[in-house]
Structure formats: C-alpha cells, structure tokens
C-alpha cells in the first residue's frame, strides 16, 4: 500500500491556553476526497492550517505527502495548493495577472507560465474573462479563480476551506464538477464544508469534529448506517448536538 497523503497522530494545537485541536488521529488516502465537518470552533480550520503550514504543530505527528511538516515545511508547501476560506485575490490585478503572479512564486516564468495560465483559465472557464479585474467577477467565478491559482504548481494535494460558502446552487454545482475532475486526475482533496449535500456528494470519507476532537469517521453512507440515522445531517446532530451552521 502507498503511504497516506496525510498522516496525523496525536495532533494538538492551542492558542493562548485554549485548545483548538485536541490530540486527533486521521489518515488521508492518496487520490481521495477527505472531508472535515463540525460546528464553528470545532478545530477544522486549525487542522487545515497545520496541514498546509500556516499554523505550527504543538504536539503530535503530522506527515503530509510523506514529509514531516515540522522539518520539511517548504518542501511540503511546494507540493500543495490552498483554497482559503477568505478570498485573498489581488483586486488590482486581472484574472490572468493573478495567475501569472502565483506562477512566479513557484518559479514558473516566461513561456511556461503563459502556457500554464492558459490551461488554468480554460479549466476554470475564465478564458473570456482573463483581462477582467477580480471585483468584476461573480462569486462563483472568483472561487474558480482561487482554485485555478491553487493548481498553478500542479499540486499533489489541494486543501479547500469551505470552498462553496456563499455560492448559489448553480455555481456550487459547477465547482463540484471541477473538483470531480481534479480527483479523477489523481489529485488528493482535503476540504471543510458546511453543506451536508456537498459532503455526501464529494467526500469518499470524512470526519466529524467537535470541541477539537474527532467524534466519528467513515464514508458518508457508512456513517448513516452505523449511527442508525436517516441522513448525514441527522448523524451530525446526534453526535454533536449542534446544527452545522452554529
């Protein structure tokens, strides 16, 4: 068996004495879509930040793409793509320029950068809007641009923190198709979401977190059967006592 894309044991993180992630264990198989569900403050985003190197690990072991993130942070980040929860596109640049700048960060320049940007504009369905500045785009277009930017370096693992929050149903389904294509191409996806339909639709496996701990793990359909509930949202309510949007 190949090594997991992400391997975590006893993972722990605190901020000013407040425990955000409380000794969790999980493995993400290469090529799958693995999800994190939980109410606000459950530790999902902190876990993601540790995976992509924005937050340091306080305790435990975290290996990403076969590398210990504490010792090989730069090497790991070079093989990741990140779609943050909060949009951070450069509003003064065009769609194309946002991608070219990101390519430069990864040492991709000249004709190679131009070719890669053209490919990503097509993937994101943004070729016709390449010269537009980002404030001129719809919310769905900006999300697709964020994903395209995350793919500039041809990452092995893409981390997506609530990628479809605020999108209308049509834009959400378009984004789901993009994620399906990435997974079909062998890219590992790690995501948080507030949408049960999205979790059931996209995730091969997922964990439900509450108060910094993992309370259950498995495939969506398996969790419904195991906990004897009618659907995934009922499983969530049964285990946490929270609505997902609290």
Protein backbone atom coordinates (compact mmCIF):
# COMPACT_ATOMS: atom_id res chain seq x y z
CA UNK A 1 0.00 0.00 0.00
CA UNK A 2 1.21 3.51 -0.76
CA UNK A 3 1.85 5.94 2.07
CA UNK A 4 -1.11 8.15 3.04
CA UNK A 5 -1.23 11.67 1.63
CA UNK A 6 -1.75 12.93 5.19
CA UNK A 7 -0.88 11.02 8.37
CA UNK A 8 -1.73 12.57 11.76
CA UNK A 9 -1.28 11.09 15.21
CA UNK A 10 -1.94 12.86 18.49
CA UNK A 11 -2.23 16.19 16.66
CA UNK A 12 -2.72 19.06 19.09
CA UNK A 13 -2.85 22.86 18.84
CA UNK A 14 -3.67 25.57 21.39
CA UNK A 15 -4.00 29.34 21.21
CA UNK A 16 -3.39 31.33 24.41
CA UNK A 17 -4.17 28.30 26.52
CA UNK A 18 -7.37 27.45 24.62
CA UNK A 19 -7.24 24.02 22.98
CA UNK A 20 -8.30 24.19 19.31
CA UNK A 21 -7.27 20.67 18.26
CA UNK A 22 -7.12 18.06 21.00
CA UNK A 23 -4.99 15.06 20.05
CA UNK A 24 -6.63 13.84 16.84
CA UNK A 25 -5.64 10.90 14.61
CA UNK A 26 -6.53 10.55 10.93
CA UNK A 27 -5.14 9.33 7.60
CA UNK A 28 -5.99 10.63 4.14
CA UNK A 29 -5.50 8.17 1.29
CA UNK A 30 -3.79 9.49 -1.83
CA UNK A 31 -6.32 10.35 -4.53
CA UNK A 32 -9.40 10.57 -2.31
CA UNK A 33 -11.56 13.48 -1.23
CA UNK A 34 -11.46 13.65 2.57
CA UNK A 35 -13.77 15.99 4.46
CA UNK A 36 -13.98 17.70 7.83
CA UNK A 37 -17.39 18.55 9.27
CA UNK A 38 -18.04 20.36 12.51
CA UNK A 39 -19.63 23.43 14.09
CA UNK A 40 -17.70 26.70 14.19
CA UNK A 41 -14.84 26.39 16.65
CA UNK A 42 -14.61 22.60 16.30
CA UNK A 43 -10.98 22.75 15.11
CA UNK A 44 -11.47 22.13 11.39
CA UNK A 45 -9.74 25.23 10.05
CA UNK A 46 -6.91 24.95 12.58
CA UNK A 47 -6.30 21.39 11.41
CA UNK A 48 -6.20 22.55 7.81
CA UNK A 49 -3.77 25.34 8.68
CA UNK A 50 -1.41 22.82 10.27
CA UNK A 51 -1.60 20.66 7.14
CA UNK A 52 -0.62 23.49 4.81
CA UNK A 53 1.93 25.02 7.16
CA UNK A 54 0.23 28.23 8.30
CA UNK A 55 -0.02 27.01 11.91
CA UNK A 56 2.76 25.16 13.74
CA UNK A 57 2.05 21.77 15.34
CA UNK A 58 2.22 21.96 19.15
CA UNK A 59 2.20 18.21 19.80
CA UNK A 60 1.92 15.00 17.84
CA UNK A 61 2.98 13.82 14.40
CA UNK A 62 1.85 15.29 11.09
CA UNK A 63 3.20 13.98 7.81
CA UNK A 64 1.98 15.42 4.52
CA UNK A 65 2.94 13.72 1.25
CA UNK A 66 5.43 11.61 3.16
CA UNK A 67 7.18 14.56 4.84
CA UNK A 68 7.13 15.74 8.44
CA UNK A 69 5.69 19.26 8.16
CA UNK A 70 7.71 20.48 11.15
CA UNK A 71 11.01 19.63 9.44
CA UNK A 72 10.15 19.94 5.75
CA UNK A 73 7.68 22.80 5.69
CA UNK A 74 8.95 24.42 2.50
CA UNK A 75 9.11 21.15 0.58
CA UNK A 76 5.57 20.26 1.62
CA UNK A 77 4.16 23.68 0.71
CA UNK A 78 5.73 23.44 -2.75
CA UNK A 79 3.54 20.38 -3.47
CA UNK A 80 0.30 21.80 -2.08
CA UNK A 81 -2.46 24.01 -3.40
CA UNK A 82 -4.57 26.02 -0.95
CA UNK A 83 -8.04 27.50 -1.45
CA UNK A 84 -8.59 29.64 1.67
CA UNK A 85 -11.89 30.31 3.38
CA UNK A 86 -11.41 34.07 3.00
CA UNK A 87 -10.84 35.33 -0.52
CA UNK A 88 -7.37 36.84 -0.95
CA UNK A 89 -7.16 37.61 -4.67
CA UNK A 90 -5.34 40.77 -5.71
CA UNK A 91 -8.12 43.17 -6.68
CA UNK A 92 -5.76 45.47 -8.61
CA UNK A 93 -4.73 42.69 -10.99
CA UNK A 94 -6.61 40.97 -13.78
CA UNK A 95 -7.59 37.33 -13.67
CA UNK A 96 -4.64 36.40 -15.86
CA UNK A 97 -2.22 38.51 -13.82
CA UNK A 98 -3.31 36.86 -10.57
CA UNK A 99 -2.34 33.52 -12.05
CA UNK A 100 0.93 34.79 -13.51
CA UNK A 101 1.99 36.22 -10.14
CA UNK A 102 1.26 32.88 -8.46
CA UNK A 103 3.26 31.10 -11.15
CA UNK A 104 6.20 33.39 -10.39
CA UNK A 105 6.04 32.44 -6.71
CA UNK A 106 6.65 28.86 -7.78
CA UNK A 107 9.49 29.73 -10.16
CA UNK A 108 7.36 29.27 -13.28
CA UNK A 109 8.08 32.07 -15.74
CA UNK A 110 8.16 33.02 -19.39
CA UNK A 111 6.55 30.76 -21.98
CA UNK A 112 5.99 28.00 -19.43
CA UNK A 113 3.98 30.38 -17.23
CA UNK A 114 1.95 31.66 -20.17
CA UNK A 115 1.11 28.11 -21.23
CA UNK A 116 0.16 27.06 -17.70
CA UNK A 117 -2.04 30.11 -17.17
CA UNK A 118 -3.84 29.47 -20.47
CA UNK A 119 -4.53 25.88 -19.36
CA UNK A 120 -5.91 27.01 -16.00
CA UNK A 121 -8.09 29.71 -17.49
CA UNK A 122 -9.71 27.01 -19.61
CA UNK A 123 -10.11 24.66 -16.63
CA UNK A 124 -11.74 27.46 -14.61
CA UNK A 125 -13.96 28.53 -17.53
CA UNK A 126 -12.44 32.01 -17.31
CA UNK A 127 -10.67 32.38 -20.66
CA UNK A 128 -13.16 35.01 -21.80
CA UNK A 129 -12.63 36.98 -18.57
CA UNK A 130 -8.83 36.78 -18.49
CA UNK A 131 -8.45 40.57 -18.71
CA UNK A 132 -11.11 41.39 -16.11
CA UNK A 133 -10.16 42.58 -12.64
CA UNK A 134 -11.39 40.33 -9.86
CA UNK A 135 -14.05 42.73 -8.46
CA UNK A 136 -15.79 42.44 -11.84
CA UNK A 137 -16.30 38.69 -11.39
CA UNK A 138 -19.23 36.88 -9.82
CA UNK A 139 -18.72 34.95 -6.59
CA UNK A 140 -18.60 31.66 -8.47
CA UNK A 141 -16.01 32.99 -10.91
CA UNK A 142 -13.80 34.21 -8.06
CA UNK A 143 -13.98 30.79 -6.39
CA UNK A 144 -12.98 29.13 -9.66
CA UNK A 145 -10.09 31.56 -9.94
CA UNK A 146 -8.97 30.68 -6.40
CA UNK A 147 -8.95 27.01 -7.37
CA UNK A 148 -7.09 27.74 -10.61
CA UNK A 149 -4.49 29.71 -8.63
CA UNK A 150 -4.10 26.76 -6.24
CA UNK A 151 -3.33 24.49 -9.22
CA UNK A 152 -0.56 26.57 -10.77
CA UNK A 153 2.21 24.36 -9.33
CA UNK A 154 0.44 21.09 -10.28
CA UNK A 155 -0.05 20.10 -6.63
CA UNK A 156 -0.47 16.56 -5.34
CA UNK A 157 -2.81 17.75 -2.58
CA UNK A 158 -5.31 20.61 -2.64
CA UNK A 159 -6.69 21.97 0.65
CA UNK A 160 -10.07 23.70 0.39
CA UNK A 161 -11.58 25.51 3.38
CA UNK A 162 -15.35 25.90 2.80
CA UNK A 163 -14.88 26.36 -0.96
CA UNK A 164 -18.54 26.90 -1.88
CA UNK A 165 -19.77 29.04 1.01
CA UNK A 166 -21.92 31.90 -0.30
CA UNK A 167 -22.36 30.49 -3.80
CA UNK A 168 -25.71 29.97 -5.45
CA UNK A 169 -26.69 26.35 -6.30
CA UNK A 170 -25.66 26.61 -9.95
CA UNK A 171 -22.20 27.98 -9.12
CA UNK A 172 -21.81 25.32 -6.42
CA UNK A 173 -22.55 22.51 -8.87
CA UNK A 174 -20.09 23.96 -11.39
CA UNK A 175 -17.41 23.98 -8.70
CA UNK A 176 -18.25 20.40 -7.74
CA UNK A 177 -17.64 19.33 -11.33
CA UNK A 178 -14.22 20.99 -11.21
CA UNK A 179 -13.36 19.11 -8.01
CA UNK A 180 -14.59 15.83 -9.52
CA UNK A 181 -12.22 16.35 -12.45
CA UNK A 182 -9.29 17.03 -10.12
CA UNK A 183 -9.94 13.87 -8.15
CA UNK A 184 -10.31 11.87 -11.38
CA UNK A 185 -6.86 13.20 -12.32
CA UNK A 186 -5.34 11.76 -9.15
CA UNK A 187 -5.25 14.93 -7.02
CA UNK A 188 -5.97 14.40 -3.32
CA UNK A 189 -8.60 16.79 -1.94
CA UNK A 190 -8.90 17.83 1.70
CA UNK A 191 -11.88 20.06 2.46
CA UNK A 192 -14.10 21.53 5.12
CA UNK A 193 -17.71 22.30 4.36
CA UNK A 194 -20.91 23.50 6.00
CA UNK A 195 -23.09 21.76 3.42
CA UNK A 196 -24.23 18.20 4.13
CA UNK A 197 -25.18 17.66 0.49
CA UNK A 198 -21.68 18.72 -0.51
CA UNK A 199 -20.05 16.35 1.98
CA UNK A 200 -22.18 13.43 0.82
CA UNK A 201 -21.62 14.33 -2.85
CA UNK A 202 -17.87 14.88 -2.81
CA UNK A 203 -16.26 13.05 0.09
CA UNK A 204 -15.04 9.47 -0.11
CA UNK A 205 -14.54 9.64 3.66
CA UNK A 206 -14.95 12.31 6.32
CA UNK A 207 -14.57 13.03 10.00
CA UNK A 208 -16.95 14.93 12.26
CA UNK A 209 -15.19 17.14 14.80
CA UNK A 210 -16.49 18.79 17.96
CA UNK A 211 -14.56 20.65 20.67
CA UNK A 212 -11.25 19.88 18.95
CA UNK A 213 -11.79 16.12 18.80
CA UNK A 214 -12.90 13.64 16.14
CA UNK A 215 -16.18 12.05 17.19
CA UNK A 216 -16.62 9.74 14.19
CA UNK A 217 -15.01 8.84 10.86
CA UNK A 218 -16.07 6.97 7.75
CA UNK A 219 -17.74 7.15 4.35
CA UNK A 220 -20.92 9.27 4.39
CA UNK A 221 -23.27 6.35 3.69
CA UNK A 222 -21.43 4.17 6.19
CA UNK A 223 -21.87 6.78 8.95
CA UNK A 224 -25.61 6.96 8.28
CA UNK A 225 -25.89 3.18 8.65
CA UNK A 226 -23.56 2.88 11.63
CA UNK A 227 -25.33 5.54 13.68
CA UNK A 228 -28.79 4.41 12.59
CA UNK A 229 -29.85 7.83 11.32
CA UNK A 230 -31.87 8.76 8.22
CA UNK A 231 -29.22 11.05 6.69
CA UNK A 232 -25.84 12.65 7.31
CA UNK A 233 -27.21 15.80 8.94
CA UNK A 234 -29.05 13.63 11.48
CA UNK A 235 -25.76 11.88 12.24
CA UNK A 236 -24.14 15.24 12.83
CA UNK A 237 -26.91 16.45 15.14
CA UNK A 238 -26.92 13.13 17.01
CA UNK A 239 -23.19 13.25 17.70
CA UNK A 240 -22.62 16.95 18.36
CA UNK A 241 -25.95 18.40 19.40
CA UNK A 242 -25.24 21.33 17.08
CA UNK A 243 -26.65 22.46 13.79
CA UNK A 244 -23.82 22.55 11.26
CA UNK A 245 -24.09 26.32 10.81
CA UNK A 246 -23.74 27.16 14.53
